[in-house]
Protein backbone atom coordinates (compact mmCIF):
# COMPACT_ATOMS: atom_id res chain seq x y z
CA MET A 1 0.00 0.00 0.00
CA THR A 2 1.39 3.41 -0.92
CA ALA A 3 1.86 6.13 1.66
CA VAL A 4 -1.01 8.17 0.19
CA ALA A 5 -3.34 5.17 0.19
CA ARG A 6 -2.34 4.31 3.73
CA HIS A 7 -3.09 7.86 4.91
CA THR A 8 -6.52 7.77 3.25
CA ALA A 9 -7.43 4.43 4.79
CA VAL A 10 -6.48 5.31 8.36
CA GLU A 11 -8.39 8.59 8.43
CA ARG A 12 -11.54 6.60 9.22
CA GLU A 13 -9.97 5.42 12.47
CA ALA A 14 -9.71 7.21 15.81
CA PRO A 15 -7.71 10.47 15.63
CA ALA A 16 -4.03 10.44 16.42
CA LEU A 17 -4.31 13.75 18.29
CA SER A 18 -7.32 15.41 19.83
CA ALA A 19 -8.11 18.28 22.16
CA ALA A 20 -11.53 18.86 23.73
CA ALA A 21 -12.30 22.22 25.34
CA VAL A 22 -8.73 22.46 26.63
CA ARG A 23 -7.93 25.18 29.12
CA LYS A 24 -4.45 25.73 30.48
CA ASP A 25 -3.65 28.27 33.18
CA PHE A 26 -0.28 29.31 34.53
CA GLY A 27 -1.14 31.04 37.77
CA GLU A 28 -3.41 33.97 36.91
CA ARG A 29 -2.67 33.72 33.20
CA THR A 30 -4.86 31.67 30.85
CA VAL A 31 -2.73 30.45 27.94
CA LEU A 32 -5.27 28.15 26.29
CA ASP A 33 -8.99 28.81 26.56
CA GLY A 34 -11.36 26.18 25.16
CA VAL A 35 -9.20 24.76 22.37
CA SER A 36 -10.71 21.82 20.45
CA LEU A 37 -9.24 20.03 17.45
CA SER A 38 -8.81 16.57 15.95
CA VAL A 39 -6.01 15.20 13.74
CA PRO A 40 -6.56 11.95 11.80
CA ARG A 41 -3.70 9.48 11.76
CA GLY A 42 -1.04 9.97 9.16
CA ARG A 43 -1.73 13.65 8.52
CA ILE A 44 0.27 16.83 9.06
CA LEU A 45 -1.25 19.57 11.20
CA ALA A 46 0.29 23.03 11.32
CA ILE A 47 -0.43 25.23 14.35
CA VAL A 48 0.08 28.90 13.48
CA GLY A 49 -0.05 32.04 15.59
CA GLU A 50 1.86 34.89 17.13
CA SER A 51 4.27 34.48 20.04
CA GLY A 52 2.49 33.80 23.30
CA CYS A 53 -0.75 32.54 21.73
CA GLY A 54 -0.39 29.05 23.24
CA LYS A 55 1.06 27.06 20.32
CA SER A 56 3.97 25.52 22.19
CA THR A 57 1.86 24.95 25.29
CA LEU A 58 -0.60 22.91 23.24
CA LEU A 59 2.26 20.85 21.83
CA ARG A 60 3.65 20.26 25.32
CA LEU A 61 0.24 19.05 26.44
CA PHE A 62 0.24 16.51 23.61
CA ALA A 63 3.75 15.46 24.62
CA GLY A 64 2.73 14.98 28.25
CA LEU A 65 5.13 17.67 29.42
CA GLU A 66 2.25 19.74 30.84
CA THR A 67 -1.20 18.86 32.19
CA VAL A 68 -4.49 20.55 31.32
CA THR A 69 -6.31 22.78 33.76
CA SER A 70 -9.59 21.53 32.31
CA GLY A 71 -10.75 19.69 29.21
CA SER A 72 -8.80 16.78 27.76
CA VAL A 73 -6.15 15.84 25.23
CA GLY A 74 -5.80 12.51 23.48
CA VAL A 75 -2.74 10.99 21.85
CA ASP A 76 -2.92 7.62 20.13
CA GLY A 77 0.51 6.03 19.80
CA ASN A 78 4.17 6.55 20.59
CA VAL A 79 5.22 10.23 20.67
CA SER A 80 8.53 11.95 19.91
CA ILE A 81 9.21 15.69 20.02
CA ALA A 82 11.82 18.01 18.52
CA PHE A 83 12.35 21.68 19.38
CA GLN A 84 13.75 24.79 17.66
CA ASP A 85 16.95 24.33 19.65
CA SER A 86 18.48 20.96 18.77
CA ARG A 87 19.42 20.51 22.47
CA LEU A 88 22.35 18.22 21.73
CA LEU A 89 24.62 17.16 24.57
CA PRO A 90 28.06 18.63 23.76
CA TRP A 91 30.02 15.85 25.50
CA LEU A 92 28.43 13.12 23.35
CA LYS A 93 29.23 12.40 19.71
CA VAL A 94 26.47 12.70 17.11
CA TRP A 95 25.49 9.03 17.14
CA GLU A 96 25.55 8.98 20.93
CA ASN A 97 23.19 11.98 21.03
CA VAL A 98 20.81 10.19 18.69
CA ALA A 99 20.86 7.02 20.82
CA PHE A 100 20.68 8.86 24.16
CA GLY A 101 18.06 7.27 26.40
CA LEU A 102 17.43 4.36 24.06
CA PRO A 103 16.69 1.17 26.08
CA VAL A 104 19.27 -0.95 24.23
CA SER A 105 23.04 -1.13 24.48
CA GLY A 106 26.17 -2.14 22.67
CA ALA A 107 26.23 -2.86 18.96
CA GLU A 108 22.44 -2.68 18.61
CA ARG A 109 22.40 0.83 20.06
CA ARG A 110 25.00 2.11 17.60
CA ALA A 111 23.39 0.30 14.66
CA LYS A 112 20.02 1.92 15.34
CA ALA A 113 21.63 5.35 15.57
CA LEU A 114 23.53 4.90 12.32
CA ALA A 115 20.38 3.72 10.55
CA VAL A 116 18.40 6.87 11.40
CA LEU A 117 21.39 9.10 10.69
CA GLU A 118 21.45 7.51 7.24
CA GLU A 119 17.80 8.50 6.82
CA VAL A 120 18.53 12.15 7.56
CA GLY A 121 21.71 12.16 5.46
CA LEU A 122 24.22 12.45 8.30
CA ARG A 123 25.77 9.00 8.72
CA ARG A 124 29.11 10.46 7.64
CA LEU A 125 29.04 12.74 10.70
CA SER A 126 28.20 10.02 13.22
CA GLU A 127 31.53 10.48 15.05
CA ALA A 128 31.44 14.30 14.98
CA TRP A 129 30.98 16.51 18.03
CA PRO A 130 27.89 18.78 18.20
CA ALA A 131 30.04 21.93 18.31
CA THR A 132 31.27 21.20 14.77
CA LEU A 133 27.79 21.01 13.23
CA SER A 134 25.94 23.69 11.29
CA GLY A 135 22.46 24.72 12.39
CA GLY A 136 20.85 22.54 9.74
CA GLU A 137 22.99 19.56 10.66
CA GLY A 138 22.11 20.00 14.32
CA GLN A 139 18.40 19.96 13.47
CA ARG A 140 18.86 16.81 11.40
CA VAL A 141 20.49 15.14 14.40
CA ALA A 142 17.57 16.26 16.58
CA LEU A 143 15.17 14.83 14.02
CA ALA A 144 17.11 11.54 13.98
CA ARG A 145 16.92 11.44 17.78
CA ALA A 146 13.13 11.71 17.51
CA LEU A 147 12.89 9.11 14.74
CA ILE A 148 14.96 6.47 16.54
CA ARG A 149 12.03 5.87 18.88
CA ASP A 150 9.83 4.91 15.92
CA PRO A 151 7.08 7.43 16.71
CA SER A 152 3.56 7.21 15.39
CA VAL A 153 3.14 10.88 16.37
CA LEU A 154 5.91 13.44 15.74
CA LEU A 155 5.62 16.80 17.50
CA LEU A 156 7.73 19.64 16.08
CA ASP A 157 8.04 22.95 17.94
CA GLU A 158 9.37 25.45 15.38
CA PRO A 159 12.20 23.10 14.38
CA PHE A 160 13.19 25.19 11.35
CA GLY A 161 12.73 28.66 12.82
CA ALA A 162 16.43 29.42 13.31
CA LEU A 163 17.58 28.12 9.92
CA ASP A 164 18.44 30.12 6.82
CA ALA A 165 15.97 30.07 3.92
CA LEU A 166 17.79 27.49 1.77
CA THR A 167 18.42 25.12 4.67
CA ARG A 168 14.79 25.44 5.68
CA ILE A 169 13.64 24.37 2.20
CA ARG A 170 15.90 21.33 2.39
CA MET A 171 14.51 20.45 5.81
CA HIS A 172 10.96 20.73 4.48
CA ALA A 173 11.80 18.22 1.76
CA LEU A 174 13.46 15.92 4.30
CA LEU A 175 10.45 16.03 6.63
CA LEU A 176 7.99 15.28 3.83
CA GLY A 177 10.17 12.40 2.62
CA LEU A 178 10.30 10.86 6.09
CA TRP A 179 6.57 11.38 6.57
CA LYS A 180 5.78 9.60 3.30
CA LYS A 181 8.10 6.74 4.21
CA HIS A 182 6.98 6.19 7.82
CA GLY A 183 3.38 7.42 7.76
CA PHE A 184 3.51 9.08 11.18
CA THR A 185 1.20 11.91 12.24
CA VAL A 186 2.85 15.32 12.54
CA ALA A 187 1.88 18.39 14.59
CA LEU A 188 4.07 21.33 13.56
CA VAL A 189 4.15 24.62 15.47
CA THR A 190 5.33 27.51 13.31
CA HIS A 191 5.24 31.29 12.96
CA ASP A 192 5.77 30.93 9.21
CA VAL A 193 2.45 30.96 7.34
CA ASP A 194 4.03 29.85 4.05
CA GLU A 195 5.74 26.95 5.83
CA ALA A 196 2.41 25.85 7.27
CA LEU A 197 0.64 26.04 3.91
CA THR A 198 3.49 24.22 2.15
CA LEU A 199 3.70 21.27 4.53
CA ALA A 200 0.35 20.73 6.20
CA ASP A 201 -2.84 18.84 5.42
CA SER A 202 -4.69 21.10 7.83
CA VAL A 203 -4.02 24.37 9.62
CA VAL A 204 -5.17 25.65 13.01
CA VAL A 205 -4.77 29.37 13.70
CA LEU A 206 -4.45 30.29 17.38
CA GLY A 207 -4.83 33.73 18.91
CA SER A 208 -4.99 34.68 22.59
CA GLY A 209 -5.29 31.00 23.48
CA ARG A 210 -8.30 30.33 21.25
CA VAL A 211 -8.86 28.74 17.86
CA LEU A 212 -9.41 31.61 15.41
CA ASP A 213 -9.68 29.39 12.34
CA GLN A 214 -9.04 25.85 11.14
CA PHE A 215 -9.22 24.43 7.64
CA ASP A 216 -7.97 21.58 5.46
CA ILE A 217 -5.60 21.94 2.50
CA PRO A 218 -6.62 19.41 -0.18
CA ALA A 219 -3.91 20.45 -2.65
CA SER A 220 -1.32 17.84 -3.59
CA ARG A 221 2.40 18.30 -2.95
CA PRO A 222 4.67 19.93 -4.00
CA ARG A 223 2.71 23.17 -3.70
CA ASN A 224 3.22 26.30 -5.75
CA ARG A 225 3.41 29.40 -3.57
CA LEU A 226 2.49 31.53 -6.61
CA ASP A 227 -0.77 29.61 -7.07
CA ALA A 228 -3.93 31.69 -6.53
CA THR A 229 -5.36 29.22 -4.01
CA PHE A 230 -2.15 29.32 -1.98
CA GLY A 231 -2.36 33.12 -1.99
CA ARG A 232 -5.96 33.09 -0.78
CA GLN A 233 -5.08 30.69 2.02
CA ARG A 234 -2.20 32.95 3.08
CA GLU A 235 -4.51 35.98 3.13
CA ARG A 236 -7.03 33.97 5.17
CA VAL A 237 -4.48 33.13 7.86
CA LEU A 238 -2.95 36.59 7.95
CA GLY A 239 -6.43 38.11 8.13
CA ARG A 240 -7.33 35.96 11.15
CA LEU A 241 -4.13 37.16 12.83
CA GLY A 242 -4.81 40.79 12.02
CA VAL A 243 -1.76 41.14 9.79
CA PRO A 244 -2.29 43.64 6.93
CA SER A 245 -1.70 42.61 3.33
CA LEU A 246 1.37 44.06 1.65
């Protein structure tokens, strides 16, 4: 079964990610206020919004790093998460960072690390130290560290935000290639509206802790940013966020 066929078939099953009337307070501050959404298995969700709107908090709730104040979140399957900062341990080599925390040892541990480094195109740097890596290479290592746990749900918190434009495009292609190969569900937090519209099957726009808009993107990939539909979707998101057209 092809990746596309597999994604279509599993959409009839229970969602991979769900949120029902989620509220999250930090002291006197309400960060999420009644957020509800559902992500079918094998799809890519982009969560877009300004800084402080609750995007990362929602992702941390899905990851189990925070608990809801009220409402509920659901996650079906094994979860891995990657952040904007690659968070590599400087005293461990690349392959050791990838395998860190893996419940196996010896030759099997190294073999698993090398296999996922091959997938992200970095096997040649398996013995390198994190300080010698470029930003893009560091993010590939972080992605390999998430993949080694064979996730069914991959949570990405602005993983490409600090990268230059060309490296970001390459990382987009890498992510889509891995998604097609493995069929995992992705929730991607991003400030970049074009990134969201390029990668996602559906988009949720957050503002002041609430869902301002959510819609599906039926267009096939790769997507043309000069296409009229793409432009209308961009204007829709920017309009919800109160950003004027240029």
